[in-house]
């Protein structure tokens, strides 16, 4: 099967989605794979969180206009929704950055230029996991601040983020096994990420 050569002009995560999918589908080195795919899924979940927060923001603004003035309660609620919006945006940017970084870290591991796992690992999988847990933490309490029409989207974000944490933890554990299972500190962090992700998932789901 003859294929046209793929040409990339910038970061993998800045490729149009069909092109990114095509890069993932090929075993080139460097090329995005499990870590980048997980980070991109988590970034999309962060984007959906931004959407939810923006709709909630617009609803609050209309409510204030309809009542001819903002109460202190309205102001506090609007401030909190805007905080969630800003943090979700920052997490999205970080997740894409870490997803891009994972391409090159994985390439160095494959080429033997980087240890698969180091003590107190702060590589891309760990950054993706920790950042996605922060996204789940951000969702806690959001159900009571947004219209019920958005609860299904909030549940989608929750399930996607929870799955992303578990997916990236699988990669981190694979790195530990590849390194001979020496990194007890990272294993403890992985266990904590899984527990926190499940706890936040359950909390958010009960709110929707």
Protein backbone atom coordinates (compact mmCIF):
# COMPACT_ATOMS: atom_id res chain seq x y z
CA UNK A 1 0.00 0.00 0.00
CA UNK A 2 1.57 3.28 -1.18
CA UNK A 3 1.02 6.31 1.05
CA UNK A 4 1.70 9.96 0.52
CA UNK A 5 4.44 11.33 2.76
CA UNK A 6 3.06 13.33 5.68
CA UNK A 7 4.48 16.83 6.11
CA UNK A 8 4.28 18.67 9.41
CA UNK A 9 4.93 22.40 9.70
CA UNK A 10 4.55 22.91 13.45
CA UNK A 11 3.64 21.13 16.65
CA UNK A 12 1.79 17.84 16.42
CA UNK A 13 -0.99 19.18 18.65
CA UNK A 14 -1.48 22.12 16.27
CA UNK A 15 -2.15 19.85 13.31
CA UNK A 16 -5.73 19.71 11.96
CA UNK A 17 -7.49 16.85 13.74
CA UNK A 18 -7.56 14.49 10.71
CA UNK A 19 -3.81 15.07 10.21
CA UNK A 20 -3.07 14.44 13.88
CA UNK A 21 -5.06 11.20 13.71
CA UNK A 22 -3.02 10.20 10.67
CA UNK A 23 0.25 10.83 12.52
CA UNK A 24 -0.97 8.75 15.46
CA UNK A 25 -1.85 5.92 13.07
CA UNK A 26 1.77 5.52 11.89
CA UNK A 27 4.78 4.18 13.83
CA UNK A 28 7.17 7.01 12.97
CA UNK A 29 9.61 8.25 15.61
CA UNK A 30 8.97 10.89 16.81
CA UNK A 31 5.22 10.62 16.49
CA UNK A 32 2.27 11.04 18.86
CA UNK A 33 0.96 7.91 20.55
CA UNK A 34 -0.76 6.95 23.80
CA UNK A 35 0.45 9.83 25.95
CA UNK A 36 -0.36 12.51 23.39
CA UNK A 37 -3.75 10.97 22.60
CA UNK A 38 -4.61 10.93 26.31
CA UNK A 39 -3.47 14.54 26.77
CA UNK A 40 -5.53 15.67 23.76
CA UNK A 41 -8.63 13.91 25.11
CA UNK A 42 -8.12 15.61 28.47
CA UNK A 43 -7.59 18.96 26.69
CA UNK A 44 -10.92 18.48 24.90
CA UNK A 45 -12.53 17.78 28.27
CA UNK A 46 -11.04 21.06 29.54
CA UNK A 47 -12.45 22.83 26.47
CA UNK A 48 -15.89 21.42 27.23
CA UNK A 49 -15.52 22.70 30.79
CA UNK A 50 -14.83 26.15 29.35
CA UNK A 51 -17.99 25.88 27.26
CA UNK A 52 -20.04 24.97 30.33
CA UNK A 53 -18.55 27.88 32.28
CA UNK A 54 -19.18 30.35 29.45
CA UNK A 55 -22.81 29.33 29.12
CA UNK A 56 -23.20 29.65 32.90
CA UNK A 57 -21.53 33.07 32.74
CA UNK A 58 -23.91 34.25 30.01
CA UNK A 59 -26.93 32.97 31.94
CA UNK A 60 -25.83 34.86 35.04
CA UNK A 61 -25.28 38.08 33.07
CA UNK A 62 -28.79 37.81 31.60
CA UNK A 63 -30.20 37.13 35.07
CA UNK A 64 -28.53 40.22 36.44
CA UNK A 65 -29.85 42.31 33.53
CA UNK A 66 -33.37 40.98 34.06
CA UNK A 67 -33.32 41.94 37.74
CA UNK A 68 -31.89 45.39 36.96
CA UNK A 69 -28.76 45.07 38.99
CA UNK A 70 -26.37 42.57 40.51
CA UNK A 71 -26.68 41.47 44.09
CA UNK A 72 -23.63 40.48 46.12
CA UNK A 73 -24.72 36.86 45.61
CA UNK A 74 -24.81 37.31 41.83
CA UNK A 75 -21.39 38.96 41.86
CA UNK A 76 -19.84 36.15 43.91
CA UNK A 77 -21.38 33.50 41.68
CA UNK A 78 -20.15 35.23 38.53
CA UNK A 79 -16.67 35.58 39.99
CA UNK A 80 -16.54 31.86 40.79
CA UNK A 81 -17.74 30.83 37.32
CA UNK A 82 -15.16 33.11 35.73
CA UNK A 83 -12.44 31.60 37.94
CA UNK A 84 -13.41 28.11 36.73
CA UNK A 85 -13.38 29.35 33.14
CA UNK A 86 -9.88 30.82 33.46
CA UNK A 87 -8.47 27.74 35.21
CA UNK A 88 -10.00 25.36 32.66
CA UNK A 89 -8.40 27.39 29.87
CA UNK A 90 -5.01 27.26 31.59
CA UNK A 91 -5.32 23.49 32.08
CA UNK A 92 -6.20 23.02 28.40
CA UNK A 93 -3.06 24.90 27.34
CA UNK A 94 -0.89 22.85 29.72
CA UNK A 95 -2.36 19.53 28.60
CA UNK A 96 -1.60 20.29 24.95
CA UNK A 97 1.92 21.38 25.92
CA UNK A 98 2.50 18.15 27.86
CA UNK A 99 0.97 16.10 25.05
CA UNK A 100 3.43 17.63 22.62
CA UNK A 101 6.31 17.04 25.01
CA UNK A 102 5.36 13.39 25.36
CA UNK A 103 6.08 12.85 21.65
CA UNK A 104 9.74 13.69 22.10
CA UNK A 105 10.17 12.10 25.53
CA UNK A 106 8.78 8.83 24.15
CA UNK A 107 11.09 9.09 21.14
CA UNK A 108 14.12 9.46 23.41
CA UNK A 109 13.02 6.41 25.43
CA UNK A 110 12.56 4.36 22.24
CA UNK A 111 15.97 5.47 20.97
CA UNK A 112 17.62 4.66 24.32
CA UNK A 113 18.55 8.27 25.08
CA UNK A 114 16.29 8.61 28.12
CA UNK A 115 15.55 6.31 31.03
CA UNK A 116 11.99 5.02 30.92
CA UNK A 117 11.45 5.97 34.54
CA UNK A 118 13.44 8.02 37.03
CA UNK A 119 13.06 8.59 40.73
CA UNK A 120 10.27 11.10 41.46
CA UNK A 121 9.44 11.21 37.77
CA UNK A 122 8.12 14.57 36.53
CA UNK A 123 7.99 13.60 32.86
CA UNK A 124 5.10 14.06 30.50
CA UNK A 125 2.90 11.17 31.73
CA UNK A 126 3.15 12.43 35.32
CA UNK A 127 2.37 16.00 34.24
CA UNK A 128 -0.62 14.86 32.18
CA UNK A 129 -1.96 12.78 35.07
CA UNK A 130 -1.56 15.51 37.67
CA UNK A 131 -3.08 18.17 35.41
CA UNK A 132 -6.10 16.02 34.56
CA UNK A 133 -6.74 15.38 38.25
CA UNK A 134 -6.74 19.17 38.68
CA UNK A 135 -9.42 19.36 35.99
CA UNK A 136 -11.56 16.85 37.87
CA UNK A 137 -11.05 18.84 41.07
CA UNK A 138 -12.22 21.95 39.23
CA UNK A 139 -15.49 20.22 38.33
CA UNK A 140 -16.38 19.53 41.96
CA UNK A 141 -19.27 21.82 42.89
CA UNK A 142 -19.86 23.01 39.33
CA UNK A 143 -23.08 21.02 39.01
CA UNK A 144 -24.87 23.34 41.40
CA UNK A 145 -23.70 26.44 39.52
CA UNK A 146 -24.77 25.58 36.00
CA UNK A 147 -28.20 25.01 34.42
CA UNK A 148 -29.46 21.42 34.46
CA UNK A 149 -29.38 21.46 30.67
CA UNK A 150 -25.57 21.41 30.98
CA UNK A 151 -25.39 18.49 33.39
CA UNK A 152 -25.02 15.93 30.60
CA UNK A 153 -21.99 17.86 29.27
CA UNK A 154 -20.58 18.03 32.78
CA UNK A 155 -20.92 14.26 33.10
CA UNK A 156 -19.17 13.83 29.73
CA UNK A 157 -16.25 15.94 30.99
CA UNK A 158 -16.15 13.90 34.18
CA UNK A 159 -16.08 10.52 32.45
CA UNK A 160 -13.50 11.66 29.88
CA UNK A 161 -11.21 13.12 32.54
CA UNK A 162 -11.47 10.07 34.77
CA UNK A 163 -10.67 7.77 31.84
CA UNK A 164 -7.72 9.99 30.87
CA UNK A 165 -6.22 9.72 34.35
CA UNK A 166 -6.47 5.93 34.28
CA UNK A 167 -5.07 5.80 30.73
CA UNK A 168 -2.01 7.92 31.45
CA UNK A 169 -1.37 6.03 34.70
CA UNK A 170 -1.17 2.85 32.61
CA UNK A 171 1.62 4.45 30.59
CA UNK A 172 3.42 5.63 33.72
CA UNK A 173 3.23 2.11 35.17
CA UNK A 174 4.53 0.66 31.91
CA UNK A 175 7.51 3.00 32.23
CA UNK A 176 8.11 1.73 35.76
CA UNK A 177 8.08 -1.88 34.55
CA UNK A 178 10.42 -0.98 31.69
CA UNK A 179 12.81 0.55 34.21
CA UNK A 180 12.76 -2.57 36.39
CA UNK A 181 10.09 -1.45 38.85
CA UNK A 182 12.41 0.75 40.90
CA UNK A 183 10.33 3.90 41.28
CA UNK A 184 8.26 3.43 44.44
CA UNK A 185 7.69 7.20 44.79
CA UNK A 186 6.07 7.45 41.37
CA UNK A 187 3.96 4.34 42.03
CA UNK A 188 2.59 6.01 45.15
CA UNK A 189 1.69 9.08 43.11
CA UNK A 190 -0.04 6.92 40.49
CA UNK A 191 -2.11 5.22 43.18
CA UNK A 192 -3.05 8.61 44.63
CA UNK A 193 -4.03 10.00 41.20
CA UNK A 194 -6.34 7.05 40.60
CA UNK A 195 -7.97 7.39 44.01
CA UNK A 196 -8.43 11.14 43.63
CA UNK A 197 -9.79 10.80 40.08
CA UNK A 198 -12.37 8.25 41.19
CA UNK A 199 -13.33 10.30 44.25
CA UNK A 200 -13.87 13.46 42.20
CA UNK A 201 -15.72 11.52 39.51
CA UNK A 202 -18.16 10.14 42.07
CA UNK A 203 -18.61 13.54 43.73
CA UNK A 204 -19.39 15.31 40.46
CA UNK A 205 -21.77 12.60 39.27
CA UNK A 206 -23.81 12.86 42.47
CA UNK A 207 -24.15 16.59 41.81
CA UNK A 208 -25.66 16.04 38.36
